[in-house]
Amino acid sequence: MKRSSLLKFFLVAIIVCSFSAVFAQDMESDGTNMHDGFYLRFQLGVGYQSLTYEDFVPGSDMKFTGAAGNFTMQIGYAVINDLILFGELSSCVMTDPTLKLGGSSYDTNDTQVSVVGFGGGLSYYFASNFFLSLSLGATRATLEVSGSSGSSELGFGTNVAIGKEWWVSENWGLGLALVGNYSRMKDKGVDNKMSNIYIGLAFSATYN
């Protein structure tokens, strides 16, 4: 065998063995899938959101409530089988929510209330591919009305998700999750605080 052909043979053999090792790591000894290595999760869902602006007028809070959409993306790595550390970007958005102030309720138009957060957390998979995810991070609220917008200072938030996924390939799992988050922020230039609560259901797609 020529030297160049021998070199090509060894390169192909190394590549094949490397891929075999990678795929083997994704399977338990009994042939079931494992959670290890690179991790990527997307969650998209709908639910209920409530943002409260405390003491908007003395002794009275202003509150926005309504149906909301939620998106979450997590990127990380399994430090041990089934335990993943990740970075996270999340958001929840209400469009034309109900405004409550001074005991009265009002409909809104051309109005959007959103809370965006970024941080990190961990996710753990239990038996039967049930999972629990928890993250902490910084959050910011934004109110847009008829093209004009204002944002809060950065605050603190936490996200929780409990769900179940079903394997659809060696590395992809699809499922559903109950998602909840809470955040607290301060308005810019004043002492007023804002708090946001979201709870909903989400479709979950995970590569791991």
N, C-alpha and C. Protein backbone atom coordinates (compact mmCIF):
# COMPACT_ATOMS: atom_id res chain seq x y z
N MET A 1 0.85 -1.20 0.00
CA MET A 1 0.00 0.00 0.00
C MET A 1 0.88 1.25 0.00
N LYS A 2 0.58 2.22 -0.87
CA LYS A 2 1.37 3.43 -0.94
C LYS A 2 1.22 4.24 0.34
N ARG A 3 2.25 5.09 0.58
CA ARG A 3 2.25 5.87 1.81
C ARG A 3 1.03 6.80 1.89
N SER A 4 0.71 7.45 0.76
CA SER A 4 -0.43 8.37 0.75
C SER A 4 -1.73 7.62 1.00
N SER A 5 -1.85 6.42 0.43
CA SER A 5 -3.06 5.62 0.63
C SER A 5 -3.15 5.16 2.07
N LEU A 6 -2.03 4.80 2.66
CA LEU A 6 -2.01 4.36 4.05
C LEU A 6 -2.42 5.50 4.98
N LEU A 7 -1.94 6.71 4.68
CA LEU A 7 -2.29 7.88 5.48
C LEU A 7 -3.79 8.15 5.40
N LYS A 8 -4.34 8.07 4.20
CA LYS A 8 -5.78 8.28 4.02
C LYS A 8 -6.58 7.23 4.80
N PHE A 9 -6.09 5.98 4.76
CA PHE A 9 -6.77 4.90 5.46
C PHE A 9 -6.84 5.19 6.96
N PHE A 10 -5.71 5.61 7.54
CA PHE A 10 -5.68 5.90 8.97
C PHE A 10 -6.55 7.11 9.31
N LEU A 11 -6.58 8.13 8.45
CA LEU A 11 -7.43 9.29 8.70
C LEU A 11 -8.90 8.90 8.71
N VAL A 12 -9.31 8.08 7.73
CA VAL A 12 -10.70 7.62 7.67
C VAL A 12 -11.04 6.78 8.89
N ALA A 13 -10.11 5.92 9.30
CA ALA A 13 -10.33 5.06 10.46
C ALA A 13 -10.50 5.88 11.73
N ILE A 14 -9.66 6.93 11.87
CA ILE A 14 -9.75 7.79 13.05
C ILE A 14 -11.08 8.51 13.09
N ILE A 15 -11.51 9.04 11.92
CA ILE A 15 -12.78 9.76 11.85
C ILE A 15 -13.94 8.84 12.20
N VAL A 16 -13.95 7.63 11.62
CA VAL A 16 -15.02 6.67 11.88
C VAL A 16 -15.07 6.30 13.35
N CYS A 17 -13.92 6.05 13.94
CA CYS A 17 -13.87 5.68 15.36
C CYS A 17 -14.31 6.84 16.26
N SER A 18 -13.95 8.07 15.86
CA SER A 18 -14.34 9.23 16.65
C SER A 18 -15.84 9.42 16.64
N PHE A 19 -16.46 9.30 15.45
CA PHE A 19 -17.91 9.42 15.36
C PHE A 19 -18.60 8.30 16.12
N SER A 20 -18.05 7.12 16.06
CA SER A 20 -18.65 6.00 16.78
C SER A 20 -18.62 6.25 18.28
N ALA A 21 -17.52 6.82 18.76
CA ALA A 21 -17.40 7.10 20.19
C ALA A 21 -18.40 8.16 20.62
N VAL A 22 -18.56 9.21 19.78
CA VAL A 22 -19.50 10.28 20.10
C VAL A 22 -20.91 9.75 20.19
N PHE A 23 -21.34 8.95 19.19
CA PHE A 23 -22.69 8.42 19.19
C PHE A 23 -22.90 7.41 20.31
N ALA A 24 -21.85 6.69 20.65
CA ALA A 24 -21.97 5.71 21.73
C ALA A 24 -22.20 6.39 23.07
N GLN A 25 -21.64 7.61 23.23
CA GLN A 25 -21.81 8.33 24.49
C GLN A 25 -23.24 8.78 24.70
N ASP A 26 -24.01 8.86 23.62
CA ASP A 26 -25.39 9.33 23.72
C ASP A 26 -26.37 8.22 24.10
N MET A 27 -25.88 7.01 24.29
CA MET A 27 -26.74 5.88 24.57
C MET A 27 -26.30 5.16 25.84
N GLU A 28 -27.26 4.78 26.67
CA GLU A 28 -26.97 3.95 27.83
C GLU A 28 -26.62 2.54 27.35
N SER A 29 -26.12 1.73 28.27
CA SER A 29 -25.77 0.36 27.92
C SER A 29 -26.97 -0.45 27.48
N ASP A 30 -28.18 -0.04 27.90
CA ASP A 30 -29.38 -0.77 27.50
C ASP A 30 -30.00 -0.20 26.22
N GLY A 31 -29.30 0.77 25.60
CA GLY A 31 -29.76 1.30 24.33
C GLY A 31 -30.63 2.53 24.42
N THR A 32 -30.94 3.00 25.64
CA THR A 32 -31.76 4.19 25.78
C THR A 32 -30.90 5.45 25.67
N ASN A 33 -31.54 6.59 25.35
CA ASN A 33 -30.80 7.84 25.17
C ASN A 33 -30.30 8.39 26.49
N MET A 34 -29.23 9.20 26.38
CA MET A 34 -28.63 9.84 27.55
C MET A 34 -28.62 11.34 27.36
N HIS A 35 -28.53 12.07 28.47
CA HIS A 35 -28.36 13.51 28.42
C HIS A 35 -26.91 13.82 28.80
N ASP A 36 -26.09 14.08 27.78
CA ASP A 36 -24.70 14.42 28.01
C ASP A 36 -24.21 15.32 26.88
N GLY A 37 -23.06 15.96 27.10
CA GLY A 37 -22.48 16.79 26.07
C GLY A 37 -23.21 18.11 25.84
N PHE A 38 -23.09 18.62 24.62
CA PHE A 38 -23.68 19.91 24.25
C PHE A 38 -25.19 19.90 24.42
N TYR A 39 -25.73 21.05 24.87
CA TYR A 39 -27.15 21.17 25.19
C TYR A 39 -27.72 22.43 24.56
N LEU A 40 -28.88 22.30 23.92
CA LEU A 40 -29.59 23.43 23.33
C LEU A 40 -31.08 23.19 23.48
N ARG A 41 -31.78 24.15 24.10
CA ARG A 41 -33.22 24.00 24.29
C ARG A 41 -33.95 25.28 23.86
N PHE A 42 -35.08 25.06 23.15
CA PHE A 42 -35.99 26.15 22.80
C PHE A 42 -37.34 25.86 23.44
N GLN A 43 -37.95 26.90 24.00
CA GLN A 43 -39.31 26.79 24.54
C GLN A 43 -40.15 27.94 24.00
N LEU A 44 -41.32 27.62 23.49
CA LEU A 44 -42.22 28.61 22.95
C LEU A 44 -43.62 28.31 23.47
N GLY A 45 -44.25 29.30 24.10
CA GLY A 45 -45.55 29.01 24.70
C GLY A 45 -46.43 30.23 24.89
N VAL A 46 -47.58 29.99 25.50
CA VAL A 46 -48.55 31.05 25.80
C VAL A 46 -48.99 30.90 27.25
N GLY A 47 -49.43 32.01 27.83
CA GLY A 47 -49.88 31.97 29.22
C GLY A 47 -50.47 33.28 29.66
N TYR A 48 -50.36 33.55 30.95
CA TYR A 48 -50.93 34.75 31.57
C TYR A 48 -49.79 35.54 32.20
N GLN A 49 -49.83 36.86 31.99
CA GLN A 49 -48.80 37.74 32.52
C GLN A 49 -49.43 38.89 33.28
N SER A 50 -48.77 39.33 34.34
CA SER A 50 -49.24 40.46 35.12
C SER A 50 -48.03 41.30 35.54
N LEU A 51 -48.01 42.55 35.10
CA LEU A 51 -46.95 43.47 35.49
C LEU A 51 -47.55 44.59 36.34
N THR A 52 -47.02 44.77 37.54
CA THR A 52 -47.53 45.77 38.48
C THR A 52 -46.51 46.88 38.68
N TYR A 53 -46.94 48.12 38.45
CA TYR A 53 -46.14 49.30 38.72
C TYR A 53 -46.62 49.85 40.06
N GLU A 54 -45.80 49.71 41.09
CA GLU A 54 -46.22 50.05 42.45
C GLU A 54 -46.26 51.57 42.67
N ASP A 55 -47.33 52.02 43.37
CA ASP A 55 -47.50 53.43 43.72
C ASP A 55 -47.38 54.36 42.51
N PHE A 56 -48.03 53.98 41.42
CA PHE A 56 -48.03 54.84 40.22
C PHE A 56 -48.60 56.21 40.57
N VAL A 57 -49.67 56.19 41.33
CA VAL A 57 -50.15 57.40 42.01
C VAL A 57 -50.16 57.04 43.48
N PRO A 58 -49.98 58.00 44.38
CA PRO A 58 -49.88 57.67 45.80
C PRO A 58 -51.01 56.76 46.29
N GLY A 59 -50.61 55.60 46.80
CA GLY A 59 -51.56 54.65 47.36
C GLY A 59 -52.27 53.78 46.35
N SER A 60 -51.90 53.87 45.08
CA SER A 60 -52.58 53.08 44.05
C SER A 60 -51.58 52.55 43.03
N ASP A 61 -51.63 51.24 42.81
CA ASP A 61 -50.76 50.60 41.83
C ASP A 61 -51.40 50.62 40.44
N MET A 62 -50.57 50.59 39.42
CA MET A 62 -51.03 50.41 38.05
C MET A 62 -50.64 49.01 37.61
N LYS A 63 -51.59 48.29 37.03
CA LYS A 63 -51.33 46.90 36.68
C LYS A 63 -51.75 46.61 35.24
N PHE A 64 -50.87 45.90 34.51
CA PHE A 64 -51.18 45.42 33.18
C PHE A 64 -51.33 43.90 33.25
N THR A 65 -52.45 43.39 32.75
CA THR A 65 -52.67 41.94 32.77
C THR A 65 -53.22 41.47 31.43
N GLY A 66 -52.97 40.18 31.13
CA GLY A 66 -53.54 39.63 29.91
C GLY A 66 -52.79 38.41 29.41
N ALA A 67 -53.26 37.91 28.27
CA ALA A 67 -52.60 36.77 27.63
C ALA A 67 -51.23 37.22 27.12
N ALA A 68 -50.28 36.29 27.18
CA ALA A 68 -48.91 36.65 26.79
C ALA A 68 -48.23 35.48 26.09
N GLY A 69 -47.25 35.82 25.29
CA GLY A 69 -46.39 34.82 24.66
C GLY A 69 -45.06 34.75 25.37
N ASN A 70 -44.44 33.60 25.34
CA ASN A 70 -43.18 33.40 26.05
C ASN A 70 -42.19 32.64 25.17
N PHE A 71 -40.93 33.09 25.17
CA PHE A 71 -39.87 32.41 24.44
C PHE A 71 -38.65 32.28 25.33
N THR A 72 -38.02 31.12 25.30
CA THR A 72 -36.81 30.87 26.08
C THR A 72 -35.81 30.08 25.24
N MET A 73 -34.55 30.48 25.30
CA MET A 73 -33.47 29.72 24.66
C MET A 73 -32.37 29.48 25.69
N GLN A 74 -31.93 28.23 25.79
CA GLN A 74 -30.86 27.87 26.72
C GLN A 74 -29.75 27.16 25.95
N ILE A 75 -28.50 27.50 26.24
CA ILE A 75 -27.34 26.87 25.63
C ILE A 75 -26.38 26.48 26.75
N GLY A 76 -25.96 25.22 26.78
CA GLY A 76 -25.07 24.79 27.85
C GLY A 76 -24.40 23.45 27.59
N TYR A 77 -24.06 22.79 28.69
CA TYR A 77 -23.31 21.52 28.61
C TYR A 77 -23.64 20.68 29.84
N ALA A 78 -23.74 19.38 29.62
CA ALA A 78 -24.00 18.45 30.72
C ALA A 78 -22.70 18.19 31.49
N VAL A 79 -22.64 18.66 32.73
CA VAL A 79 -21.43 18.46 33.53
C VAL A 79 -21.32 17.02 34.00
N ILE A 80 -22.46 16.38 34.23
CA ILE A 80 -22.54 14.94 34.44
C ILE A 80 -23.82 14.49 33.73
N ASN A 81 -23.99 13.19 33.55
CA ASN A 81 -25.19 12.70 32.88
C ASN A 81 -26.44 13.24 33.55
N ASP A 82 -27.33 13.84 32.75
CA ASP A 82 -28.65 14.33 33.18
C ASP A 82 -28.62 15.67 33.91
N LEU A 83 -27.44 16.23 34.22
CA LEU A 83 -27.36 17.52 34.89
C LEU A 83 -26.66 18.51 33.97
N ILE A 84 -27.39 19.58 33.59
CA ILE A 84 -26.89 20.53 32.61
C ILE A 84 -26.79 21.92 33.21
N LEU A 85 -25.70 22.60 32.94
CA LEU A 85 -25.54 24.01 33.27
C LEU A 85 -25.70 24.80 31.97
N PHE A 86 -26.42 25.94 32.02
CA PHE A 86 -26.69 26.65 30.78
C PHE A 86 -26.76 28.16 30.98
N GLY A 87 -26.60 28.88 29.88
CA GLY A 87 -26.90 30.30 29.81
C GLY A 87 -28.27 30.44 29.17
N GLU A 88 -29.00 31.50 29.52
CA GLU A 88 -30.39 31.60 29.10
C GLU A 88 -30.75 33.00 28.65
N LEU A 89 -31.59 33.06 27.61
CA LEU A 89 -32.24 34.28 27.16
C LEU A 89 -33.74 34.02 27.13
N SER A 90 -34.53 34.89 27.77
CA SER A 90 -35.97 34.66 27.84
C SER A 90 -36.74 35.96 27.67
N SER A 91 -38.01 35.83 27.28
CA SER A 91 -38.87 37.00 27.15
C SER A 91 -40.32 36.59 27.29
N CYS A 92 -41.16 37.52 27.78
CA CYS A 92 -42.61 37.35 27.78
C CYS A 92 -43.23 38.68 27.37
N VAL A 93 -44.26 38.61 26.53
CA VAL A 93 -44.80 39.81 25.90
C VAL A 93 -46.32 39.79 25.94
N MET A 94 -46.91 40.91 26.36
CA MET A 94 -48.36 41.12 26.30
C MET A 94 -48.64 42.18 25.23
N THR A 95 -49.67 41.95 24.43
CA THR A 95 -50.09 42.93 23.44
C THR A 95 -51.51 43.41 23.78
N ASP A 96 -51.68 44.72 23.85
CA ASP A 96 -52.97 45.34 24.22
C ASP A 96 -53.57 44.71 25.48
N PRO A 97 -52.82 44.76 26.58
CA PRO A 97 -53.32 44.17 27.83
C PRO A 97 -54.40 45.03 28.46
N THR A 98 -55.00 44.51 29.52
CA THR A 98 -55.96 45.27 30.32
C THR A 98 -55.20 46.10 31.34
N LEU A 99 -55.56 47.37 31.44
CA LEU A 99 -54.94 48.28 32.40
C LEU A 99 -55.87 48.45 33.58
N LYS A 100 -55.35 48.22 34.80
CA LYS A 100 -56.12 48.40 36.02
C LYS A 100 -55.49 49.50 36.86
N LEU A 101 -56.29 50.49 37.23
CA LEU A 101 -55.79 51.61 38.02
C LEU A 101 -56.93 52.20 38.83
N GLY A 102 -56.70 52.39 40.14
CA GLY A 102 -57.69 53.03 40.99
C GLY A 102 -59.02 52.31 41.05
N GLY A 103 -59.00 50.98 40.99
CA GLY A 103 -60.23 50.21 41.08
C GLY A 103 -60.99 50.08 39.78
N SER A 104 -60.47 50.67 38.69
CA SER A 104 -61.13 50.59 37.39
C SER A 104 -60.25 49.86 36.39
N SER A 105 -60.89 49.29 35.37
CA SER A 105 -60.18 48.57 34.32
C SER A 105 -60.41 49.24 32.98
N TYR A 106 -59.35 49.26 32.14
CA TYR A 106 -59.43 49.91 30.85
C TYR A 106 -58.79 49.01 29.79
N ASP A 107 -59.37 49.01 28.59
CA ASP A 107 -58.76 48.32 27.46
C ASP A 107 -57.68 49.24 26.88
N THR A 108 -56.63 48.63 26.32
CA THR A 108 -55.57 49.42 25.69
C THR A 108 -55.48 49.08 24.22
N ASN A 109 -54.93 50.02 23.45
CA ASN A 109 -54.72 49.83 22.02
C ASN A 109 -53.29 50.24 21.66
N ASP A 110 -52.71 49.53 20.70
CA ASP A 110 -51.35 49.83 20.26
C ASP A 110 -50.39 49.89 21.44
N THR A 111 -50.56 48.93 22.34
CA THR A 111 -49.75 48.87 23.56
C THR A 111 -49.09 47.50 23.70
N GLN A 112 -47.84 47.50 24.11
CA GLN A 112 -47.12 46.24 24.33
C GLN A 112 -46.28 46.34 25.59
N VAL A 113 -46.39 45.33 26.43
CA VAL A 113 -45.61 45.23 27.66
C VAL A 113 -44.73 43.99 27.56
N SER A 114 -43.44 44.15 27.71
CA SER A 114 -42.52 43.02 27.58
C SER A 114 -41.50 43.02 28.71
N VAL A 115 -41.06 41.83 29.05
CA VAL A 115 -39.98 41.65 30.03
C VAL A 115 -38.96 40.69 29.42
N VAL A 116 -37.73 41.14 29.31
CA VAL A 116 -36.65 40.34 28.74
C VAL A 116 -35.62 40.05 29.82
N GLY A 117 -35.12 38.82 29.86
CA GLY A 117 -34.14 38.46 30.87
C GLY A 117 -32.99 37.65 30.28
N PHE A 118 -31.85 37.70 30.95
CA PHE A 118 -30.70 36.87 30.57
C PHE A 118 -29.97 36.46 31.84
N GLY A 119 -29.47 35.23 31.85
CA GLY A 119 -28.78 34.74 33.04
C GLY A 119 -28.30 33.31 32.84
N GLY A 120 -28.33 32.54 33.89
CA GLY A 120 -27.86 31.16 33.82
C GLY A 120 -28.58 30.30 34.83
N GLY A 121 -28.47 28.98 34.64
CA GLY A 121 -29.14 28.07 35.55
C GLY A 121 -28.76 26.63 35.30
N LEU A 122 -29.60 25.74 35.79
CA LEU A 122 -29.34 24.32 35.63
C LEU A 122 -30.64 23.58 35.32
N SER A 123 -30.49 22.48 34.63
CA SER A 123 -31.63 21.62 34.30
C SER A 123 -31.25 20.18 34.64
N TYR A 124 -32.21 19.45 35.21
CA TYR A 124 -31.94 18.06 35.58
C TYR A 124 -33.05 17.17 35.03
N TYR A 125 -32.64 16.05 34.43
CA TYR A 125 -33.57 15.07 33.89
C TYR A 125 -33.73 13.90 34.85
N PHE A 126 -34.98 13.58 35.15
CA PHE A 126 -35.31 12.45 36.01
C PHE A 126 -35.69 11.25 35.14
N ALA A 127 -36.19 10.20 35.79
CA ALA A 127 -36.62 9.01 35.04
C ALA A 127 -37.75 9.38 34.09
N SER A 128 -37.84 8.63 32.99
CA SER A 128 -38.88 8.82 31.97
C SER A 128 -38.79 10.18 31.29
N ASN A 129 -37.63 10.82 31.36
CA ASN A 129 -37.35 12.08 30.67
C ASN A 129 -38.17 13.27 31.19
N PHE A 130 -38.58 13.22 32.45
CA PHE A 130 -39.14 14.40 33.11
C PHE A 130 -37.97 15.31 33.48
N PHE A 131 -38.19 16.62 33.42
CA PHE A 131 -37.10 17.54 33.74
C PHE A 131 -37.56 18.71 34.59
N LEU A 132 -36.61 19.25 35.32
CA LEU A 132 -36.81 20.45 36.13
C LEU A 132 -35.71 21.42 35.77
N SER A 133 -36.10 22.67 35.47
CA SER A 133 -35.14 23.69 35.07
C SER A 133 -35.32 24.92 35.96
N LEU A 134 -34.20 25.50 36.41
CA LEU A 134 -34.24 26.68 37.27
C LEU A 134 -33.13 27.62 36.84
N SER A 135 -33.45 28.92 36.70
CA SER A 135 -32.45 29.90 36.31
C SER A 135 -32.65 31.21 37.06
N LEU A 136 -31.57 31.97 37.18
CA LEU A 136 -31.56 33.29 37.80
C LEU A 136 -30.88 34.25 36.85
N GLY A 137 -31.29 35.53 36.88
CA GLY A 137 -30.63 36.46 35.99
C GLY A 137 -31.14 37.88 36.12
N ALA A 138 -30.71 38.71 35.17
CA ALA A 138 -31.11 40.11 35.12
C ALA A 138 -32.30 40.27 34.18
N THR A 139 -33.20 41.21 34.51
CA THR A 139 -34.39 41.43 33.71
C THR A 139 -34.64 42.92 33.49
N ARG A 140 -35.36 43.21 32.42
CA ARG A 140 -35.74 44.60 32.13
C ARG A 140 -37.14 44.62 31.53
N ALA A 141 -37.99 45.54 32.01
CA ALA A 141 -39.34 45.69 31.49
C ALA A 141 -39.39 46.88 30.53
N THR A 142 -40.20 46.74 29.48
CA THR A 142 -40.37 47.81 28.50
C THR A 142 -41.85 47.99 28.20
N LEU A 143 -42.31 49.24 28.18
CA LEU A 143 -43.68 49.58 27.83
C LEU A 143 -43.66 50.41 26.55
N GLU A 144 -44.40 49.95 25.55
CA GLU A 144 -44.51 50.67 24.29
C GLU A 144 -45.97 51.05 24.05
N VAL A 145 -46.20 52.34 23.79
CA VAL A 145 -47.54 52.86 23.52
C VAL A 145 -47.49 53.77 22.30
N SER A 146 -48.20 53.37 21.26
CA SER A 146 -48.29 54.18 20.03
C SER A 146 -46.93 54.63 19.51
N GLY A 147 -45.97 53.71 19.51
CA GLY A 147 -44.66 54.02 18.95
C GLY A 147 -43.66 54.60 19.93
N SER A 148 -44.10 55.05 21.09
CA SER A 148 -43.19 55.57 22.11
C SER A 148 -42.95 54.48 23.16
N SER A 149 -41.74 54.45 23.72
CA SER A 149 -41.42 53.38 24.67
C SER A 149 -40.57 53.89 25.82
N GLY A 150 -40.64 53.17 26.93
CA GLY A 150 -39.82 53.44 28.09
C GLY A 150 -39.45 52.14 28.77
N SER A 151 -38.26 52.09 29.36
CA SER A 151 -37.77 50.84 29.97
C SER A 151 -37.36 51.07 31.41
N SER A 152 -37.40 50.00 32.17
CA SER A 152 -36.97 50.03 33.56
C SER A 152 -35.45 49.88 33.64
N GLU A 153 -34.93 50.02 34.84
CA GLU A 153 -33.55 49.65 35.08
C GLU A 153 -33.46 48.13 35.12
N LEU A 154 -32.23 47.60 35.05
CA LEU A 154 -32.06 46.16 35.17
C LEU A 154 -32.47 45.70 36.56
N GLY A 155 -33.21 44.61 36.61
CA GLY A 155 -33.64 44.05 37.89
C GLY A 155 -33.23 42.59 38.01
N PHE A 156 -33.93 41.88 38.84
CA PHE A 156 -33.61 40.48 39.14
C PHE A 156 -34.80 39.60 38.80
N GLY A 157 -34.53 38.43 38.23
CA GLY A 157 -35.62 37.53 37.89
C GLY A 157 -35.23 36.07 38.04
N THR A 158 -36.24 35.22 38.12
CA THR A 158 -36.02 33.78 38.18
C THR A 158 -37.04 33.07 37.30
N ASN A 159 -36.60 32.01 36.63
CA ASN A 159 -37.46 31.20 35.76
C ASN A 159 -37.46 29.76 36.24
N VAL A 160 -38.63 29.12 36.17
CA VAL A 160 -38.77 27.72 36.55
C VAL A 160 -39.57 27.00 35.46
N ALA A 161 -39.14 25.80 35.11
CA ALA A 161 -39.89 24.99 34.14
C ALA A 161 -39.91 23.54 34.60
N ILE A 162 -41.08 22.93 34.54
CA ILE A 162 -41.25 21.51 34.86
C ILE A 162 -41.92 20.86 33.66
N GLY A 163 -41.33 19.82 33.12
CA GLY A 163 -41.92 19.24 31.92
C GLY A 163 -41.48 17.82 31.65
N LYS A 164 -41.90 17.34 30.50
CA LYS A 164 -41.55 16.00 30.04
C LYS A 164 -41.31 16.04 28.54
N GLU A 165 -40.28 15.31 28.11
CA GLU A 165 -39.96 15.23 26.69
C GLU A 165 -39.92 13.77 26.24
N TRP A 166 -40.13 13.58 24.96
CA TRP A 166 -40.04 12.26 24.34
C TRP A 166 -38.97 12.31 23.26
N TRP A 167 -38.09 11.32 23.26
CA TRP A 167 -37.02 11.26 22.27
C TRP A 167 -37.63 11.02 20.88
N VAL A 168 -37.20 11.84 19.91
CA VAL A 168 -37.64 11.64 18.52
C VAL A 168 -36.46 11.29 17.63
N SER A 169 -35.25 11.35 18.18
CA SER A 169 -34.04 10.92 17.49
C SER A 169 -32.98 10.66 18.55
N GLU A 170 -31.75 10.38 18.12
CA GLU A 170 -30.69 10.11 19.08
C GLU A 170 -30.42 11.30 19.99
N ASN A 171 -30.60 12.52 19.46
CA ASN A 171 -30.24 13.71 20.22
C ASN A 171 -31.38 14.70 20.46
N TRP A 172 -32.48 14.57 19.75
CA TRP A 172 -33.58 15.52 19.90
C TRP A 172 -34.72 14.96 20.73
N GLY A 173 -35.21 15.79 21.67
CA GLY A 173 -36.38 15.45 22.45
C GLY A 173 -37.41 16.55 22.34
N LEU A 174 -38.67 16.19 22.17
CA LEU A 174 -39.77 17.16 22.09
C LEU A 174 -40.74 16.91 23.23
N GLY A 175 -41.33 17.98 23.75
CA GLY A 175 -42.25 17.79 24.86
C GLY A 175 -43.01 19.04 25.24
N LEU A 176 -43.59 19.00 26.44
CA LEU A 176 -44.37 20.11 26.98
C LEU A 176 -43.85 20.46 28.37
N ALA A 177 -44.01 21.73 28.74
CA ALA A 177 -43.53 22.17 30.05
C ALA A 177 -44.45 23.23 30.64
N LEU A 178 -44.57 23.21 31.95
CA LEU A 178 -45.22 24.28 32.70
C LEU A 178 -44.13 25.28 33.07
N VAL A 179 -44.31 26.53 32.64
CA VAL A 179 -43.26 27.54 32.79
C VAL A 179 -43.76 28.67 33.67
N GLY A 180 -42.93 29.14 34.57
CA GLY A 180 -43.27 30.27 35.40
C GLY A 180 -42.06 31.16 35.63
N ASN A 181 -42.28 32.46 35.71
CA ASN A 181 -41.18 33.34 36.07
C ASN A 181 -41.66 34.54 36.87
N TYR A 182 -40.74 35.07 37.64
CA TYR A 182 -41.00 36.24 38.48
C TYR A 182 -39.81 37.18 38.37
N SER A 183 -40.08 38.46 38.25
CA SER A 183 -39.00 39.43 38.18
C SER A 183 -39.39 40.72 38.91
N ARG A 184 -38.39 41.44 39.33
CA ARG A 184 -38.62 42.69 40.07
C ARG A 184 -37.60 43.71 39.60
N MET A 185 -38.09 44.90 39.26
CA MET A 185 -37.25 45.94 38.69
C MET A 185 -37.60 47.30 39.28
N LYS A 186 -36.77 48.31 38.96
CA LYS A 186 -36.98 49.67 39.44
C LYS A 186 -37.10 50.59 38.23
N ASP A 187 -38.05 51.53 38.30
CA ASP A 187 -38.20 52.48 37.21
C ASP A 187 -36.99 53.41 37.17
N LYS A 188 -36.67 53.90 35.99
CA LYS A 188 -35.52 54.78 35.84
C LYS A 188 -35.81 56.16 36.42
N GLY A 189 -34.90 56.62 37.25
CA GLY A 189 -34.97 57.98 37.77
C GLY A 189 -35.89 58.19 38.95
N VAL A 190 -36.67 57.18 39.31
CA VAL A 190 -37.58 57.30 40.47
C VAL A 190 -37.44 56.06 41.33
N ASP A 191 -38.10 56.08 42.50
CA ASP A 191 -37.99 54.96 43.43
C ASP A 191 -39.06 53.89 43.23
N ASN A 192 -39.98 54.10 42.29
CA ASN A 192 -41.06 53.14 42.08
C ASN A 192 -40.52 51.79 41.61
N LYS A 193 -41.11 50.72 42.15
CA LYS A 193 -40.72 49.36 41.78
C LYS A 193 -41.77 48.73 40.87
N MET A 194 -41.33 47.76 40.08
CA MET A 194 -42.22 46.98 39.23
C MET A 194 -41.98 45.50 39.48
N SER A 195 -43.06 44.74 39.45
CA SER A 195 -42.93 43.29 39.57
C SER A 195 -43.71 42.63 38.45
N ASN A 196 -43.17 41.53 37.93
CA ASN A 196 -43.81 40.83 36.81
C ASN A 196 -43.94 39.35 37.14
N ILE A 197 -45.10 38.80 36.83
CA ILE A 197 -45.36 37.37 37.02
C ILE A 197 -45.88 36.80 35.71
N TYR A 198 -45.34 35.66 35.33
CA TYR A 198 -45.83 34.96 34.14
C TYR A 198 -45.96 33.47 34.46
N ILE A 199 -47.04 32.85 33.96
CA ILE A 199 -47.19 31.41 34.07
C ILE A 199 -47.89 30.91 32.82
N GLY A 200 -47.41 29.79 32.27
CA GLY A 200 -48.02 29.29 31.05
C GLY A 200 -47.50 27.91 30.66
N LEU A 201 -47.95 27.43 29.52
CA LEU A 201 -47.54 26.17 28.95
C LEU A 201 -46.65 26.43 27.74
N ALA A 202 -45.65 25.59 27.55
CA ALA A 202 -44.72 25.79 26.44
C ALA A 202 -44.39 24.49 25.74
N PHE A 203 -44.19 24.59 24.45
CA PHE A 203 -43.64 23.49 23.67
C PHE A 203 -42.13 23.52 23.85
N SER A 204 -41.54 22.36 24.09
CA SER A 204 -40.11 22.28 24.37
C SER A 204 -39.40 21.41 23.33
N ALA A 205 -38.30 21.90 22.80
CA ALA A 205 -37.47 21.14 21.87
C ALA A 205 -36.03 21.22 22.35
N THR A 206 -35.43 20.06 22.63
CA THR A 206 -34.10 20.01 23.21
C THR A 206 -33.16 19.13 22.41
N TYR A 207 -31.96 19.66 22.12
CA TYR A 207 -30.88 18.88 21.52
C TYR A 207 -29.86 18.60 22.60
N ASN A 208 -29.57 17.31 22.83
CA ASN A 208 -28.61 16.96 23.88
C ASN A 208 -28.13 15.53 23.67
